[in-house]
Amino acid sequence: MIDNIKPKEATSIINSLVGGVVPKIGVQHITVGRSEEIEAFVKALDDVKNGHSMVKFWIGDFGFGKSFMLHLLNTVALKQKFVVANADFTPDNRLYSNDGRAVLLYSAIVDNISIQTKPEGGALPTLLEKWIEQVITKTAAENQITITEIRNEKYLNLIQSELMKTINELTDVGGFDFGLVLVRYYEGFITDNADLCRNALKWLKGEYRTKTEAKQDLGVREIINDLNYYDMLKNFCKLFVSLGYSGFLINLDEAINLYKISTSVMREKNYEKILSIYNDCFQGKITHLMINFAGTKEFLENERRGLFSYNALKTRLESNKFETSEIRDFAQPVIRLMPLDHNEIFVLLNKLKAIFDFNYKTKIDVSDEDIHQFMEEIFNKPGAAEFLTPREVIRDFLNILNILRQNPDVDKRKLFGDLEISDERPKEGKLDEIEEI
């Protein structure tokens, strides 16, 4: 059941799920019941590879697997040679702001850029060096200079000129400063000036707060800020495609934090930014870009605070009126995640038991019959129908395995009987009672 799993993946899966979060790696080993969603996503990736762009909204109740789904999409996209980045919305970052919170979201995205050889993030320096090597090789061939010789400092100006020329051909808005910073990065790279490389990365990650500081360190006129960060993401997308990657996938989780913005004007500005990105992608204003948002049903449908409070988004995101729970349309922008059924949860718990044994090099005495009894106990508890989520089922099951691993004499049947159900859902509904400014 767990063919080809690596020890690092097994440890990540168990530790993360016990902690109530989605593992960064290895999610493909615990995937059940999402084959249609994945098939639709692969089709969407094919379209993006061919030069289209799109936005998807993954909607589901708390604990239904939205974050898990995004991590699974990462794994699929990395195998399709996409550059992938992930970020969570928080109270401190957002898509639109005038106080630095939007550039904080940008910084989180750029920090988490991943490629197949660096799936856990931090891949930007690797990509920059790959791009520089590509320009060096091309320049050496065009000027009949050996690869070794062209790295000499006497050819620094030649390479810098080619780097700027290449960037100017690739980019539109903000391309000059973007290119100049990449030139500075190369200069640091070729002269072993670690500070210059570090400052260039600092600029590219949106970490400069004043133009004066950036000009002093790098000689550039602008910095990445709340107004231009999206243009920089589009520039990165073009750069990645020029390197031979299929496209740029950005996953944005915890969109409920946009719903929680207390002032209606600022919340609307953020929804307006979503509309702008949506229109850019579906009107062909940008190519090879896919952005996924993950949020709750409340985030989407609440007509006072959710996306449906912004009419231009509501008209674009309303479900196909012919769709039912049995007849699904996975081509539309909004994909609703249904809860796993009991058979799927049984398969998942079986996989987790195998991974747990592999991780701890043990063989816990829990049979298929025991798993069925565990499920019968937990799903028949008072409150299970209303409050129980797959996240809680998984965590309780792994907690029991941990007790049995460390205390082999404990009666597992008693542990099953001691299960309790609690309401772990955030109190989103109460937000409607907040006084708005």
Protein backbone atom coordinates (compact mmCIF):
# COMPACT_ATOMS: atom_id res chain seq x y z
CA MET A 1 0.00 0.00 0.00
CA ILE A 2 2.95 2.32 0.51
CA ASP A 3 5.23 1.46 -2.39
CA ASN A 4 8.24 3.74 -2.89
CA ILE A 5 7.64 5.85 0.22
CA LYS A 6 10.81 7.46 1.59
CA PRO A 7 11.61 7.56 5.33
CA LYS A 8 11.59 11.38 5.22
CA GLU A 9 8.10 11.35 3.67
CA ALA A 10 6.79 8.88 6.26
CA THR A 11 8.09 11.00 9.14
CA SER A 12 6.63 14.17 7.61
CA ILE A 13 3.22 12.51 7.13
CA ILE A 14 2.95 11.15 10.68
CA ASN A 15 4.35 14.19 12.51
CA SER A 16 2.28 16.67 10.51
CA LEU A 17 -1.02 14.80 10.78
CA VAL A 18 -0.58 14.25 14.52
CA GLY A 19 -0.08 18.02 14.75
CA GLY A 20 -3.28 18.62 12.79
CA VAL A 21 -1.59 20.07 9.69
CA VAL A 22 -0.96 18.83 6.15
CA PRO A 23 2.51 17.38 5.44
CA LYS A 24 4.61 19.32 2.94
CA ILE A 25 5.85 16.16 1.25
CA GLY A 26 4.48 12.66 0.69
CA VAL A 27 0.79 13.54 0.39
CA GLN A 28 0.48 11.35 -2.70
CA HIS A 29 0.87 8.29 -0.43
CA ILE A 30 -2.28 9.11 1.56
CA THR A 31 -4.56 10.31 -1.23
CA VAL A 32 -7.99 8.69 -1.42
CA GLY A 33 -11.24 9.67 -3.09
CA ARG A 34 -10.00 12.62 -5.15
CA SER A 35 -9.33 10.99 -8.53
CA GLU A 36 -11.84 13.12 -10.47
CA GLU A 37 -10.50 16.36 -9.00
CA ILE A 38 -6.92 15.35 -9.83
CA GLU A 39 -7.88 14.34 -13.37
CA ALA A 40 -9.50 17.76 -13.91
CA PHE A 41 -6.43 19.48 -12.46
CA VAL A 42 -4.08 17.60 -14.79
CA LYS A 43 -6.23 18.73 -17.72
CA ALA A 44 -6.01 22.32 -16.45
CA LEU A 45 -2.22 22.00 -16.17
CA ASP A 46 -2.09 20.86 -19.81
CA ASP A 47 -3.94 24.03 -20.80
CA VAL A 48 -1.53 26.18 -18.79
CA LYS A 49 1.46 24.40 -20.37
CA ASN A 50 0.00 25.37 -23.75
CA GLY A 51 -0.01 29.06 -22.85
CA HIS A 52 -3.36 29.57 -21.12
CA SER A 53 -3.79 30.87 -17.57
CA MET A 54 -6.53 30.19 -15.04
CA VAL A 55 -7.82 30.63 -11.51
CA LYS A 56 -9.48 27.91 -9.43
CA PHE A 57 -11.30 28.13 -6.10
CA TRP A 58 -11.21 24.98 -3.93
CA ILE A 59 -14.13 25.22 -1.54
CA GLY A 60 -14.95 22.96 1.38
CA ASP A 61 -15.97 23.00 5.02
CA PHE A 62 -13.40 23.12 7.81
CA GLY A 63 -11.37 19.89 7.93
CA PHE A 64 -12.63 18.61 4.55
CA GLY A 65 -9.16 18.57 2.98
CA LYS A 66 -8.66 21.91 1.22
CA SER A 67 -5.07 22.33 2.41
CA PHE A 68 -4.41 18.67 1.68
CA MET A 69 -5.74 19.18 -1.83
CA LEU A 70 -3.40 22.12 -2.49
CA HIS A 71 -0.39 20.10 -1.31
CA LEU A 72 -1.46 17.26 -3.58
CA LEU A 73 -1.75 19.70 -6.50
CA ASN A 74 1.83 20.78 -5.74
CA THR A 75 3.07 17.22 -6.05
CA VAL A 76 1.26 16.72 -9.36
CA ALA A 77 2.45 20.07 -10.78
CA LEU A 78 6.09 19.54 -9.77
CA LYS A 79 6.09 16.26 -11.70
CA GLN A 80 4.72 18.16 -14.70
CA LYS A 81 7.75 20.50 -14.48
CA PHE A 82 5.95 23.50 -13.06
CA VAL A 83 7.48 26.00 -10.66
CA VAL A 84 5.20 25.97 -7.61
CA ALA A 85 4.74 28.41 -4.72
CA ASN A 86 2.48 28.31 -1.67
CA ALA A 87 1.37 30.89 0.86
CA ASP A 88 -1.34 31.21 3.49
CA PHE A 89 -3.44 34.29 3.96
CA THR A 90 -3.08 35.55 7.54
CA PRO A 91 -4.35 38.57 9.48
CA ASP A 92 -1.02 40.21 8.54
CA ASN A 93 -1.07 39.70 4.76
CA ARG A 94 -3.55 40.05 1.93
CA LEU A 95 -3.86 40.70 -1.82
CA TYR A 96 -4.48 44.43 -1.55
CA SER A 97 -3.26 46.89 1.08
CA ASN A 98 -1.66 50.26 1.53
CA ASP A 99 0.36 49.40 4.63
CA GLY A 100 2.74 46.67 3.42
CA ARG A 101 0.49 43.66 3.99
CA ALA A 102 0.23 42.79 0.29
CA VAL A 103 4.00 42.73 -0.17
CA LEU A 104 4.17 40.42 2.88
CA LEU A 105 2.01 37.94 0.95
CA TYR A 106 4.33 38.35 -2.05
CA SER A 107 7.38 37.67 0.15
CA ALA A 108 5.76 34.49 1.48
CA ILE A 109 5.07 33.32 -2.09
CA VAL A 110 8.64 33.97 -3.29
CA ASP A 111 10.17 32.37 -0.17
CA ASN A 112 8.22 29.18 -0.90
CA ILE A 113 9.07 28.83 -4.60
CA SER A 114 9.69 25.11 -5.28
CA ILE A 115 10.88 22.90 -8.11
CA GLN A 116 11.03 19.12 -8.29
CA THR A 117 14.60 18.98 -6.94
CA LYS A 118 13.71 21.42 -4.12
CA PRO A 119 10.08 20.55 -3.25
CA GLU A 120 10.13 22.18 0.19
CA GLY A 121 10.75 25.74 -1.05
CA GLY A 122 13.73 28.07 -1.24
CA ALA A 123 14.35 27.33 -4.92
CA LEU A 124 14.68 30.92 -6.17
CA PRO A 125 18.53 31.08 -6.03
CA THR A 126 18.72 27.76 -7.90
CA LEU A 127 16.43 29.10 -10.63
CA LEU A 128 18.34 32.37 -10.93
CA GLU A 129 21.64 30.54 -11.28
CA LYS A 130 20.12 28.23 -13.87
CA TRP A 131 18.92 31.26 -15.86
CA ILE A 132 22.33 32.94 -15.58
CA GLU A 133 24.06 29.77 -16.81
CA GLN A 134 21.66 29.68 -19.77
CA VAL A 135 22.54 33.28 -20.72
CA ILE A 136 26.27 32.64 -20.22
CA THR A 137 26.20 29.58 -22.48
CA LYS A 138 24.28 31.44 -25.20
CA THR A 139 26.58 34.48 -25.00
CA ALA A 140 29.72 32.33 -25.12
CA ALA A 141 28.49 30.55 -28.25
CA GLU A 142 27.48 33.78 -30.00
CA ASN A 143 30.87 35.43 -29.26
CA GLN A 144 32.97 32.29 -29.81
CA ILE A 145 34.38 32.41 -26.28
CA THR A 146 34.87 29.27 -24.20
CA ILE A 147 32.54 28.67 -21.26
CA THR A 148 35.50 28.80 -18.87
CA GLU A 149 36.96 32.00 -20.28
CA ILE A 150 33.68 33.94 -20.38
CA ARG A 151 33.39 33.67 -16.61
CA ASN A 152 36.42 35.93 -16.29
CA GLU A 153 35.64 39.35 -14.80
CA LYS A 154 36.80 41.06 -18.01
CA TYR A 155 33.60 39.77 -19.69
CA LEU A 156 31.38 40.97 -16.84
CA ASN A 157 29.97 43.90 -18.84
CA LEU A 158 29.22 41.65 -21.82
CA ILE A 159 27.24 39.18 -19.69
CA GLN A 160 25.46 41.98 -17.84
CA SER A 161 24.41 43.50 -21.16
CA GLU A 162 23.04 40.15 -22.35
CA LEU A 163 21.20 39.61 -19.05
CA MET A 164 19.47 43.00 -19.37
CA LYS A 165 18.65 42.37 -23.02
CA THR A 166 17.09 39.01 -22.20
CA ILE A 167 15.03 40.42 -19.32
CA ASN A 168 13.82 43.37 -21.43
CA GLU A 169 12.58 40.90 -24.04
CA LEU A 170 10.75 38.86 -21.39
CA THR A 171 9.16 41.45 -19.15
CA ASP A 172 6.80 44.40 -19.36
CA VAL A 173 5.92 46.40 -16.24
CA GLY A 174 8.86 46.85 -13.86
CA GLY A 175 11.20 44.95 -16.14
CA PHE A 176 14.08 47.44 -15.99
CA ASP A 177 14.57 47.32 -12.22
CA PHE A 178 13.85 43.59 -12.19
CA GLY A 179 16.59 43.10 -14.80
CA LEU A 180 19.02 45.44 -13.06
CA VAL A 181 18.70 43.46 -9.83
CA LEU A 182 19.39 40.21 -11.70
CA VAL A 183 22.49 41.88 -13.19
CA ARG A 184 23.61 42.78 -9.68
CA TYR A 185 23.00 39.20 -8.60
CA TYR A 186 25.26 37.96 -11.41
CA GLU A 187 27.90 40.52 -10.51
CA GLY A 188 27.94 39.20 -6.96
CA PHE A 189 27.90 35.64 -8.28
CA ILE A 190 30.94 36.14 -10.54
CA THR A 191 32.98 38.31 -8.11
CA ASP A 192 32.23 36.20 -5.02
CA ASN A 193 30.47 39.16 -3.42
CA ALA A 194 28.02 37.36 -1.12
CA ASP A 195 26.56 40.65 0.17
CA LEU A 196 25.60 41.74 -3.35
CA CYS A 197 23.89 38.40 -4.03
CA ARG A 198 22.12 38.62 -0.69
CA ASN A 199 20.91 42.16 -1.35
CA ALA A 200 19.65 41.19 -4.82
CA LEU A 201 17.67 38.31 -3.31
CA LYS A 202 16.38 40.65 -0.61
CA TRP A 203 15.03 42.97 -3.33
CA LEU A 204 13.51 40.10 -5.33
CA LYS A 205 11.77 38.84 -2.19
CA GLY A 206 10.22 42.26 -1.53
CA GLU A 207 12.12 42.79 1.71
CA TYR A 208 13.35 46.35 1.09
CA ARG A 209 11.13 48.90 2.80
CA THR A 210 12.64 52.12 1.38
CA LYS A 211 13.81 53.14 -2.09
CA THR A 212 16.78 54.93 -0.51
CA GLU A 213 18.14 51.73 0.99
CA ALA A 214 17.65 49.80 -2.26
CA LYS A 215 19.36 52.50 -4.29
CA GLN A 216 22.30 52.56 -1.89
CA ASP A 217 22.75 48.77 -1.96
CA LEU A 218 21.85 47.98 -5.58
CA GLY A 219 21.54 51.20 -7.56
CA VAL A 220 17.86 50.63 -8.41
CA ARG A 221 15.15 53.29 -8.40
CA GLU A 222 12.19 51.19 -7.26
CA ILE A 223 11.31 48.49 -4.72
CA ILE A 224 8.66 45.81 -4.77
CA ASN A 225 5.61 47.12 -2.91
CA ASP A 226 1.87 46.71 -2.43
CA LEU A 227 1.14 48.22 -5.83
CA ASN A 228 3.59 46.38 -8.11
CA TYR A 229 4.13 42.95 -6.51
CA TYR A 230 1.67 41.24 -8.88
CA ASP A 231 3.63 42.55 -11.89
CA MET A 232 6.77 41.00 -10.39
CA LEU A 233 5.03 37.64 -10.03
CA LYS A 234 4.12 37.85 -13.72
CA ASN A 235 7.77 38.67 -14.53
CA PHE A 236 8.88 35.61 -12.58
CA CYS A 237 6.36 33.51 -14.51
CA LYS A 238 7.88 34.63 -17.83
CA LEU A 239 11.40 34.00 -16.52
CA PHE A 240 10.53 30.45 -15.41
CA VAL A 241 8.92 29.62 -18.76
CA SER A 242 12.03 30.92 -20.56
CA LEU A 243 14.02 28.37 -18.53
CA GLY A 244 11.93 25.55 -19.98
CA TYR A 245 9.43 25.14 -17.14
CA SER A 246 5.79 24.45 -17.97
CA GLY A 247 4.47 27.42 -16.01
CA PHE A 248 4.05 28.97 -12.57
CA LEU A 249 1.50 27.58 -10.07
CA ILE A 250 0.62 29.69 -7.01
CA ASN A 251 -1.49 28.19 -4.22
CA LEU A 252 -3.11 30.55 -1.71
CA ASP A 253 -4.68 28.87 1.34
CA GLU A 254 -6.73 30.11 4.31
CA ALA A 255 -8.71 32.58 2.18
CA ILE A 256 -11.12 32.87 5.13
CA ASN A 257 -8.71 35.56 6.36
CA LEU A 258 -9.91 37.82 3.54
CA TYR A 259 -13.48 37.22 4.67
CA LYS A 260 -12.40 38.23 8.19
CA ILE A 261 -11.11 41.68 7.14
CA SER A 262 -13.18 43.94 9.38
CA THR A 263 -13.67 46.97 7.14
CA SER A 264 -15.93 46.51 4.15
CA VAL A 265 -13.93 48.93 1.97
CA MET A 266 -10.65 47.03 2.44
CA ARG A 267 -12.36 43.67 2.02
CA GLU A 268 -13.90 44.87 -1.25
CA LYS A 269 -10.49 46.09 -2.48
CA ASN A 270 -9.12 42.58 -1.92
CA TYR A 271 -12.02 41.03 -3.80
CA GLU A 272 -11.43 43.57 -6.57
CA LYS A 273 -7.83 42.29 -6.77
CA ILE A 274 -9.11 38.73 -7.09
CA LEU A 275 -11.36 39.90 -9.93
CA SER A 276 -8.40 41.61 -11.64
CA ILE A 277 -6.30 38.41 -11.41
CA TYR A 278 -9.26 36.33 -12.60
CA ASN A 279 -9.80 38.57 -15.63
CA ASP A 280 -6.07 38.66 -16.46
CA CYS A 281 -5.95 34.87 -16.53
CA PHE A 282 -9.16 34.13 -18.40
CA GLN A 283 -8.82 37.00 -20.89
CA GLY A 284 -5.34 35.86 -21.94
CA LYS A 285 -3.47 38.91 -20.60
CA ILE A 286 -0.89 36.59 -19.10
CA THR A 287 0.25 33.10 -20.08
CA HIS A 288 1.42 29.99 -18.23
CA LEU A 289 0.08 31.09 -14.82
CA MET A 290 -2.34 29.23 -12.54
CA ILE A 291 -3.54 30.50 -9.17
CA ASN A 292 -5.53 28.37 -6.71
CA PHE A 293 -7.48 29.81 -3.79
CA ALA A 294 -8.68 27.55 -0.97
CA GLY A 295 -11.48 28.65 1.33
CA THR A 296 -14.67 27.68 3.10
CA LYS A 297 -18.19 27.79 1.74
CA GLU A 298 -18.73 30.88 3.91
CA PHE A 299 -15.79 32.66 2.24
CA LEU A 300 -17.36 32.02 -1.16
CA GLU A 301 -21.11 32.33 -0.63
CA ASN A 302 -21.73 34.73 2.24
CA GLU A 303 -23.46 37.66 0.54
CA ARG A 304 -22.44 40.15 3.20
CA ARG A 305 -18.73 39.35 3.64
CA GLY A 306 -17.82 36.60 1.15
CA LEU A 307 -16.88 36.69 -2.53
CA PHE A 308 -20.58 36.72 -3.40
CA SER A 309 -20.84 40.15 -1.71
CA TYR A 310 -18.90 41.45 -4.74
CA ASN A 311 -21.35 41.14 -7.61
CA ALA A 312 -18.77 40.90 -10.42
CA LEU A 313 -17.27 37.85 -8.70
CA LYS A 314 -20.63 36.33 -7.84
CA THR A 315 -21.69 36.29 -11.49
CA ARG A 316 -18.41 34.58 -12.45
CA LEU A 317 -18.27 32.05 -9.61
CA GLU A 318 -21.84 30.81 -9.25
CA SER A 319 -22.03 27.05 -9.73
CA ASN A 320 -23.17 25.39 -12.93
CA LYS A 321 -26.94 25.20 -12.36
CA PHE A 322 -27.02 21.70 -13.87
CA GLU A 323 -24.48 20.31 -11.38
CA THR A 324 -25.61 17.97 -8.58
CA SER A 325 -23.74 15.97 -5.92
CA GLU A 326 -23.77 13.02 -8.36
CA ILE A 327 -23.20 14.96 -11.60
CA ARG A 328 -20.12 17.13 -11.15
CA ASP A 329 -18.55 19.82 -13.34
CA PHE A 330 -14.82 20.06 -12.58
CA ALA A 331 -14.14 22.45 -15.48
CA GLN A 332 -15.76 25.44 -13.76
CA PRO A 333 -13.67 27.88 -11.68
CA VAL A 334 -15.15 26.70 -8.36
CA ILE A 335 -14.51 23.11 -7.30
CA ARG A 336 -16.40 22.02 -4.20
CA LEU A 337 -14.71 19.33 -2.15
CA MET A 338 -17.11 16.69 -0.88
CA PRO A 339 -16.40 14.86 2.41
CA LEU A 340 -14.76 11.44 2.17
CA ASP A 341 -17.20 8.55 2.56
CA HIS A 342 -16.67 5.78 5.12
CA ASN A 343 -15.06 3.39 2.63
CA GLU A 344 -12.55 6.05 1.62
CA ILE A 345 -11.75 6.84 5.26
CA PHE A 346 -11.19 3.13 5.93
CA VAL A 347 -8.70 2.96 3.04
CA LEU A 348 -7.00 6.13 4.35
CA LEU A 349 -6.66 4.76 7.89
CA ASN A 350 -5.23 1.52 6.50
CA LYS A 351 -2.60 3.51 4.61
CA LEU A 352 -1.78 5.54 7.70
CA LYS A 353 -1.36 2.37 9.77
CA ALA A 354 1.14 1.03 7.21
CA ILE A 355 3.04 4.33 7.09
CA PHE A 356 3.06 4.52 10.90
CA ASP A 357 4.57 1.02 11.14
CA PHE A 358 7.13 1.88 8.45
CA ASN A 359 8.10 5.12 10.18
CA TYR A 360 8.59 3.59 13.63
CA LYS A 361 9.83 0.21 12.36
CA THR A 362 7.15 -1.54 14.35
CA LYS A 363 4.02 -3.62 13.86
CA ILE A 364 1.15 -2.27 15.94
CA ASP A 365 -1.52 -4.88 16.67
CA VAL A 366 -4.39 -3.12 14.89
CA SER A 367 -6.27 -5.20 12.32
CA ASP A 368 -8.79 -4.24 9.64
CA GLU A 369 -11.50 -5.35 12.07
CA ASP A 370 -10.05 -3.01 14.70
CA ILE A 371 -10.10 -0.12 12.24
CA HIS A 372 -13.76 -0.86 11.48
CA GLN A 373 -14.51 -0.85 15.21
CA PHE A 374 -12.63 2.44 15.67
CA MET A 375 -14.71 3.99 12.88
CA GLU A 376 -17.95 2.60 14.29
CA GLU A 377 -17.14 4.07 17.69
CA ILE A 378 -16.14 7.53 16.46
CA PHE A 379 -18.88 7.97 13.87
CA ASN A 380 -21.60 6.93 16.35
CA LYS A 381 -20.53 9.35 19.09
CA PRO A 382 -22.93 12.18 19.99
CA GLY A 383 -22.17 15.20 17.78
CA ALA A 384 -20.28 13.17 15.13
CA ALA A 385 -22.74 13.92 12.33
CA GLU A 386 -22.50 17.66 12.94
CA PHE A 387 -18.91 18.24 14.07
CA LEU A 388 -16.66 15.32 13.08
CA THR A 389 -14.12 16.07 10.33
CA PRO A 390 -11.61 13.80 8.54
CA ARG A 391 -8.84 15.80 10.27
CA GLU A 392 -10.14 14.80 13.72
CA VAL A 393 -10.63 11.16 12.71
CA ILE A 394 -7.05 10.97 11.42
CA ARG A 395 -5.56 12.66 14.47
CA ASP A 396 -7.47 10.45 16.94
CA PHE A 397 -6.45 7.32 15.04
CA LEU A 398 -2.76 8.27 15.00
CA ASN A 399 -2.90 9.29 18.66
CA ILE A 400 -4.23 5.82 19.52
CA LEU A 401 -1.44 4.21 17.46
CA ASN A 402 1.09 6.32 19.37
CA ILE A 403 -0.34 5.19 22.72
CA LEU A 404 -0.25 1.54 21.63
CA ARG A 405 3.31 1.88 20.32
CA GLN A 406 4.57 3.22 23.63
CA ASN A 407 2.21 1.21 25.88
CA PRO A 408 1.69 -2.21 24.26
CA ASP A 409 -0.37 -3.52 27.19
CA VAL A 410 -3.09 -0.87 26.91
CA ASP A 411 -6.52 -2.21 25.85
CA LYS A 412 -7.19 -0.70 22.42
CA ARG A 413 -10.93 -1.36 22.78
CA LYS A 414 -10.98 0.89 25.84
CA LEU A 415 -9.16 3.61 23.88
CA PHE A 416 -11.79 3.35 21.15
CA GLY A 417 -14.51 3.71 23.78
CA ASP A 418 -12.89 6.83 25.27
CA LEU A 419 -13.15 8.81 22.03
CA GLU A 420 -14.90 12.18 22.30
CA ILE A 421 -16.19 14.57 19.65
CA SER A 422 -15.53 18.30 19.88
CA ASP A 423 -16.47 21.19 17.61
CA GLU A 424 -13.14 22.33 16.12
CA ARG A 425 -14.66 24.62 13.54
CA PRO A 426 -13.80 28.34 13.70
CA LYS A 427 -16.75 30.52 14.64
CA GLU A 428 -17.02 32.20 11.24
CA GLY A 429 -20.69 32.99 11.58
CA LYS A 430 -20.08 35.38 14.45
CA LEU A 431 -18.18 37.68 12.12
CA ASP A 432 -21.47 38.94 10.74
CA GLU A 433 -22.14 40.50 14.13
CA ILE A 434 -18.94 42.62 14.03
CA GLU A 435 -19.50 46.35 13.78
CA GLU A 436 -17.99 47.54 10.52
CA ILE A 437 -16.12 50.81 10.19
